[in-house]
C-alpha atoms as a PDB file:
ATOM      1  CA  UNK A   1      62.552 193.869 132.959  1.00  0.00           C
ATOM      2  CA  UNK A   2      61.519 192.178 130.139  1.00  0.00           C
ATOM      3  CA  UNK A   3      58.041 190.234 130.260  1.00  0.00           C
ATOM      4  CA  UNK A   4      58.125 186.616 129.860  1.00  0.00           C
ATOM      5  CA  UNK A   5      55.749 184.942 127.100  1.00  0.00           C
ATOM      6  CA  UNK A   6      53.961 181.913 128.857  1.00  0.00           C
ATOM      7  CA  UNK A   7      54.288 178.837 126.923  1.00  0.00           C
ATOM      8  CA  UNK A   8      51.565 176.191 126.312  1.00  0.00           C
ATOM      9  CA  UNK A   9      52.682 172.960 127.576  1.00  0.00           C
ATOM     10  CA  UNK A  10      49.430 171.226 126.901  1.00  0.00           C
ATOM     11  CA  UNK A  11      48.906 168.458 124.056  1.00  0.00           C
ATOM     12  CA  UNK A  12      47.881 169.401 120.549  1.00  0.00           C
ATOM     13  CA  UNK A  13      44.550 167.667 119.236  1.00  0.00           C
ATOM     14  CA  UNK A  14      47.077 166.008 116.710  1.00  0.00           C
ATOM     15  CA  UNK A  15      48.741 164.085 119.404  1.00  0.00           C
ATOM     16  CA  UNK A  16      45.631 163.211 121.316  1.00  0.00           C
ATOM     17  CA  UNK A  17      44.346 161.541 118.195  1.00  0.00           C
ATOM     18  CA  UNK A  18      47.719 159.825 117.459  1.00  0.00           C
ATOM     19  CA  UNK A  19      47.879 158.406 120.983  1.00  0.00           C
ATOM     20  CA  UNK A  20      44.236 157.096 121.026  1.00  0.00           C
ATOM     21  CA  UNK A  21      44.599 155.514 117.441  1.00  0.00           C
ATOM     22  CA  UNK A  22      47.923 153.769 118.721  1.00  0.00           C
ATOM     23  CA  UNK A  23      46.024 152.333 121.708  1.00  0.00           C
ATOM     24  CA  UNK A  24      43.324 151.115 119.423  1.00  0.00           C
ATOM     25  CA  UNK A  25      45.884 148.980 117.700  1.00  0.00           C
ATOM     26  CA  UNK A  26      47.090 147.325 120.821  1.00  0.00           C
ATOM     27  CA  UNK A  27      43.672 146.684 122.053  1.00  0.00           C
ATOM     28  CA  UNK A  28      42.577 145.023 118.974  1.00  0.00           C
ATOM     29  CA  UNK A  29      45.942 142.924 118.860  1.00  0.00           C
ATOM     30  CA  UNK A  30      45.251 141.593 122.453  1.00  0.00           C
ATOM     31  CA  UNK A  31      41.579 141.211 122.667  1.00  0.00           C
ATOM     32  CA  UNK A  32      41.703 138.068 120.984  1.00  0.00           C
ATOM     33  CA  UNK A  33      43.864 136.369 122.926  1.00  0.00           C
ATOM     34  CA  UNK A  34      42.009 137.822 126.279  1.00  0.00           C
ATOM     35  CA  UNK A  35      38.818 136.067 124.942  1.00  0.00           C
ATOM     36  CA  UNK A  36      40.425 132.920 124.573  1.00  0.00           C
ATOM     37  CA  UNK A  37      41.658 133.229 128.464  1.00  0.00           C
ATOM     38  CA  UNK A  38      38.299 133.524 129.777  1.00  0.00           C
ATOM     39  CA  UNK A  39      37.187 130.336 128.134  1.00  0.00           C
ATOM     40  CA  UNK A  40      40.235 128.445 129.022  1.00  0.00           C
ATOM     41  CA  UNK A  41      39.421 129.747 132.839  1.00  0.00           C
ATOM     42  CA  UNK A  42      35.929 128.807 132.458  1.00  0.00           C
ATOM     43  CA  UNK A  43      36.844 125.216 131.294  1.00  0.00           C
ATOM     44  CA  UNK A  44      39.517 124.750 134.294  1.00  0.00           C
ATOM     45  CA  UNK A  45      36.829 126.335 136.209  1.00  0.00           C
ATOM     46  CA  UNK A  46      34.094 123.895 135.354  1.00  0.00           C
ATOM     47  CA  UNK A  47      36.671 120.481 135.420  1.00  0.00           C
ATOM     48  CA  UNK A  48      37.816 121.800 139.248  1.00  0.00           C
ATOM     49  CA  UNK A  49      33.919 122.202 140.106  1.00  0.00           C
ATOM     50  CA  UNK A  50      33.665 118.424 139.216  1.00  0.00           C
ATOM     51  CA  UNK A  51      36.451 117.228 140.773  1.00  0.00           C
ATOM     52  CA  UNK A  52      35.695 119.036 144.172  1.00  0.00           C
ATOM     53  CA  UNK A  53      31.913 117.958 144.101  1.00  0.00           C
ATOM     54  CA  UNK A  54      33.505 114.193 143.370  1.00  0.00           C
ATOM     55  CA  UNK A  55      35.421 114.545 146.624  1.00  0.00           C
ATOM     56  CA  UNK A  56      32.768 116.188 148.716  1.00  0.00           C
ATOM     57  CA  UNK A  57      30.531 113.042 147.567  1.00  0.00           C
ATOM     58  CA  UNK A  58      33.439 110.671 148.346  1.00  0.00           C
ATOM     59  CA  UNK A  59      34.133 112.174 152.189  1.00  0.00           C
ATOM     60  CA  UNK A  60      30.218 112.446 152.732  1.00  0.00           C
ATOM     61  CA  UNK A  61      29.417 108.938 151.640  1.00  0.00           C
ATOM     62  CA  UNK A  62      32.095 107.493 154.445  1.00  0.00           C
ATOM     63  CA  UNK A  63      31.090 110.097 156.882  1.00  0.00           C
ATOM     64  CA  UNK A  64      27.314 109.367 156.559  1.00  0.00           C
ATOM     65  CA  UNK A  65      27.284 105.844 155.822  1.00  0.00           C
ATOM     66  CA  UNK A  66      25.514 106.223 152.651  1.00  0.00           C
ATOM     67  CA  UNK A  67      26.026 106.216 148.979  1.00  0.00           C
ATOM     68  CA  UNK A  68      26.457 109.576 147.208  1.00  0.00           C
ATOM     69  CA  UNK A  69      25.784 109.647 143.510  1.00  0.00           C
ATOM     70  CA  UNK A  70      27.421 112.455 140.893  1.00  0.00           C
ATOM     71  CA  UNK A  71      24.639 112.332 138.115  1.00  0.00           C
ATOM     72  CA  UNK A  72      25.774 113.517 134.722  1.00  0.00           C
ATOM     73  CA  UNK A  73      23.882 114.696 131.875  1.00  0.00           C
ATOM     74  CA  UNK A  74      26.174 114.932 129.078  1.00  0.00           C
ATOM     75  CA  UNK A  75      23.417 116.029 126.564  1.00  0.00           C
ATOM     76  CA  UNK A  76      22.297 118.769 128.386  1.00  0.00           C
ATOM     77  CA  UNK A  77      25.535 119.879 129.916  1.00  0.00           C
ATOM     78  CA  UNK A  78      24.585 119.620 133.330  1.00  0.00           C
ATOM     79  CA  UNK A  79      25.916 117.636 136.394  1.00  0.00           C
ATOM     80  CA  UNK A  80      24.642 117.736 140.052  1.00  0.00           C
ATOM     81  CA  UNK A  81      25.306 115.612 143.791  1.00  0.00           C
ATOM     82  CA  UNK A  82      22.928 113.546 145.319  1.00  0.00           C
ATOM     83  CA  UNK A  83      22.767 111.243 148.035  1.00  0.00           C
ATOM     84  CA  UNK A  84      20.538 108.029 149.002  1.00  0.00           C
ATOM     85  CA  UNK A  85      17.712 108.813 151.567  1.00  0.00           C
ATOM     86  CA  UNK A  86      18.204 106.786 154.876  1.00  0.00           C
ATOM     87  CA  UNK A  87      14.781 105.103 154.299  1.00  0.00           C
ATOM     88  CA  UNK A  88      14.590 104.316 150.847  1.00  0.00           C
ATOM     89  CA  UNK A  89      18.110 102.766 149.356  1.00  0.00           C
ATOM     90  CA  UNK A  90      18.555 103.393 146.078  1.00  0.00           C
ATOM     91  CA  UNK A  91      16.471 106.641 146.055  1.00  0.00           C
ATOM     92  CA  UNK A  92      18.756 109.600 145.648  1.00  0.00           C
ATOM     93  CA  UNK A  93      17.707 112.845 146.595  1.00  0.00           C
ATOM     94  CA  UNK A  94      19.755 116.297 146.158  1.00  0.00           C
ATOM     95  CA  UNK A  95      21.574 117.065 148.897  1.00  0.00           C
ATOM     96  CA  UNK A  96      20.583 120.286 151.608  1.00  0.00           C
ATOM     97  CA  UNK A  97      23.649 122.203 151.068  1.00  0.00           C
ATOM     98  CA  UNK A  98      25.840 124.238 148.521  1.00  0.00           C
ATOM     99  CA  UNK A  99      26.810 121.163 146.581  1.00  0.00           C
ATOM    100  CA  UNK A 100      23.143 120.072 146.105  1.00  0.00           C
ATOM    101  CA  UNK A 101      22.395 122.190 142.949  1.00  0.00           C
ATOM    102  CA  UNK A 102      22.320 121.370 139.661  1.00  0.00           C
ATOM    103  CA  UNK A 103      25.320 122.748 137.783  1.00  0.00           C
ATOM    104  CA  UNK A 104      25.376 123.611 133.863  1.00  0.00           C
ATOM    105  CA  UNK A 105      28.403 124.297 131.996  1.00  0.00           C
ATOM    106  CA  UNK A 106      28.781 127.336 130.080  1.00  0.00           C
ATOM    107  CA  UNK A 107      27.401 127.764 126.482  1.00  0.00           C
ATOM    108  CA  UNK A 108      29.758 126.277 123.775  1.00  0.00           C
ATOM    109  CA  UNK A 109      31.361 123.734 126.194  1.00  0.00           C
ATOM    110  CA  UNK A 110      30.265 120.132 126.185  1.00  0.00           C
ATOM    111  CA  UNK A 111      31.005 116.997 128.061  1.00  0.00           C
ATOM    112  CA  UNK A 112      32.109 113.457 127.213  1.00  0.00           C
ATOM    113  CA  UNK A 113      32.351 110.588 129.772  1.00  0.00           C
ATOM    114  CA  UNK A 114      33.428 106.944 129.733  1.00  0.00           C
ATOM    115  CA  UNK A 115      30.368 106.180 132.539  1.00  0.00           C
ATOM    116  CA  UNK A 116      28.054 103.611 131.045  1.00  0.00           C
ATOM    117  CA  UNK A 117      24.484 104.843 130.755  1.00  0.00           C
ATOM    118  CA  UNK A 118      22.161 103.492 133.398  1.00  0.00           C
ATOM    119  CA  UNK A 119      18.334 103.344 133.136  1.00  0.00           C
ATOM    120  CA  UNK A 120      18.064 106.325 135.307  1.00  0.00           C
ATOM    121  CA  UNK A 121      20.830 108.378 133.453  1.00  0.00           C
ATOM    122  CA  UNK A 122      24.617 108.624 133.680  1.00  0.00           C
ATOM    123  CA  UNK A 123      26.289 108.813 137.214  1.00  0.00           C
ATOM    124  CA  UNK A 124      29.371 107.879 139.492  1.00  0.00           C
ATOM    125  CA  UNK A 125      28.294 105.983 143.006  1.00  0.00           C
ATOM    126  CA  UNK A 126      30.465 106.741 145.632  1.00  0.00           C
ATOM    127  CA  UNK A 127      30.026 104.096 148.320  1.00  0.00           C
ATOM    128  CA  UNK A 128      30.262 104.234 152.444  1.00  0.00           C
ATOM    129  CA  UNK A 129      33.413 102.030 152.056  1.00  0.00           C
ATOM    130  CA  UNK A 130      35.432 104.502 150.624  1.00  0.00           C
ATOM    131  CA  UNK A 131      35.341 103.158 146.943  1.00  0.00           C
ATOM    132  CA  UNK A 132      33.634 104.669 143.918  1.00  0.00           C
ATOM    133  CA  UNK A 133      33.219 104.177 140.182  1.00  0.00           C
ATOM    134  CA  UNK A 134      36.130 104.701 138.061  1.00  0.00           C
ATOM    135  CA  UNK A 135      35.336 106.825 135.122  1.00  0.00           C
ATOM    136  CA  UNK A 136      36.741 109.778 132.773  1.00  0.00           C
ATOM    137  CA  UNK A 137      34.822 112.799 132.159  1.00  0.00           C
ATOM    138  CA  UNK A 138      36.138 115.307 129.590  1.00  0.00           C
ATOM    139  CA  UNK A 139      35.263 118.913 129.018  1.00  0.00           C
ATOM    140  CA  UNK A 140      35.601 120.365 125.648  1.00  0.00           C
ATOM    141  CA  UNK A 141      35.549 124.433 125.008  1.00  0.00           C
ATOM    142  CA  UNK A 142      34.076 126.215 122.103  1.00  0.00           C
ATOM    143  CA  UNK A 143      37.495 126.759 120.989  1.00  0.00           C
ATOM    144  CA  UNK A 144      38.159 123.129 121.257  1.00  0.00           C
ATOM    145  CA  UNK A 145      40.474 122.773 124.112  1.00  0.00           C
ATOM    146  CA  UNK A 146      39.780 119.713 126.395  1.00  0.00           C
ATOM    147  CA  UNK A 147      40.422 119.326 130.148  1.00  0.00           C
ATOM    148  CA  UNK A 148      39.907 115.689 131.724  1.00  0.00           C
ATOM    149  CA  UNK A 149      38.651 114.656 135.383  1.00  0.00           C
ATOM    150  CA  UNK A 150      39.568 111.045 136.092  1.00  0.00           C
ATOM    151  CA  UNK A 151      39.730 108.738 138.739  1.00  0.00           C
ATOM    152  CA  UNK A 152      42.575 105.611 138.368  1.00  0.00           C
ATOM    153  CA  UNK A 153      41.293 103.520 140.658  1.00  0.00           C
ATOM    154  CA  UNK A 154      38.056 102.739 143.117  1.00  0.00           C
ATOM    155  CA  UNK A 155      39.777 103.863 146.101  1.00  0.00           C
ATOM    156  CA  UNK A 156      41.757 106.947 144.722  1.00  0.00           C
ATOM    157  CA  UNK A 157      40.076 110.277 144.091  1.00  0.00           C
ATOM    158  CA  UNK A 158      38.527 112.384 141.325  1.00  0.00           C
ATOM    159  CA  UNK A 159      40.965 114.869 139.935  1.00  0.00           C
ATOM    160  CA  UNK A 160      41.995 117.366 137.019  1.00  0.00           C
ATOM    161  CA  UNK A 161      44.382 115.365 135.200  1.00  0.00           C
ATOM    162  CA  UNK A 162      47.652 117.567 134.368  1.00  0.00           C
ATOM    163  CA  UNK A 163      48.265 118.437 130.756  1.00  0.00           C
ATOM    164  CA  UNK A 164      51.345 116.595 130.620  1.00  0.00           C
ATOM    165  CA  UNK A 165      49.357 113.459 131.753  1.00  0.00           C
ATOM    166  CA  UNK A 166      46.844 114.094 128.562  1.00  0.00           C
ATOM    167  CA  UNK A 167      49.317 114.090 126.243  1.00  0.00           C
ATOM    168  CA  UNK A 168      49.287 117.791 125.534  1.00  0.00           C
ATOM    169  CA  UNK A 169      52.658 120.046 125.749  1.00  0.00           C
ATOM    170  CA  UNK A 170      52.474 123.443 127.374  1.00  0.00           C
END
């Protein structure tokens, strides 16, 4: 009987280095597109949050019988939902649930709106009658991509405008 010589099935150091170089090239090619994906998701998430706050304000105004207000601060990139107090009409306070906090846009994102500035700032009112102020809010991320939140009439709700209606082809 002859003794068999064991075969070595491990990878050589050169083979491992070659695989790592190939992976590094692939990751460096994919990384920029992943970064823009994250920025795009952030833009879309903020737009959905604004639309959700607007719908909540409209629903609560009807349910509770007093005006709700979506406050916008384009200069500082902030927005919040407040409600008119029952004791003092025209006095608005933050609501006492999760929707009552002040939200800030991510760094590099900016907000534009056609809402006229009032003495107490920019705001959209939601009345107990189910009607609201008609307005458009546009968010632009640091890559220059835009998303629009709009309400076409006083009786409709705010929603994110689909890209096709914004004149952008996918």
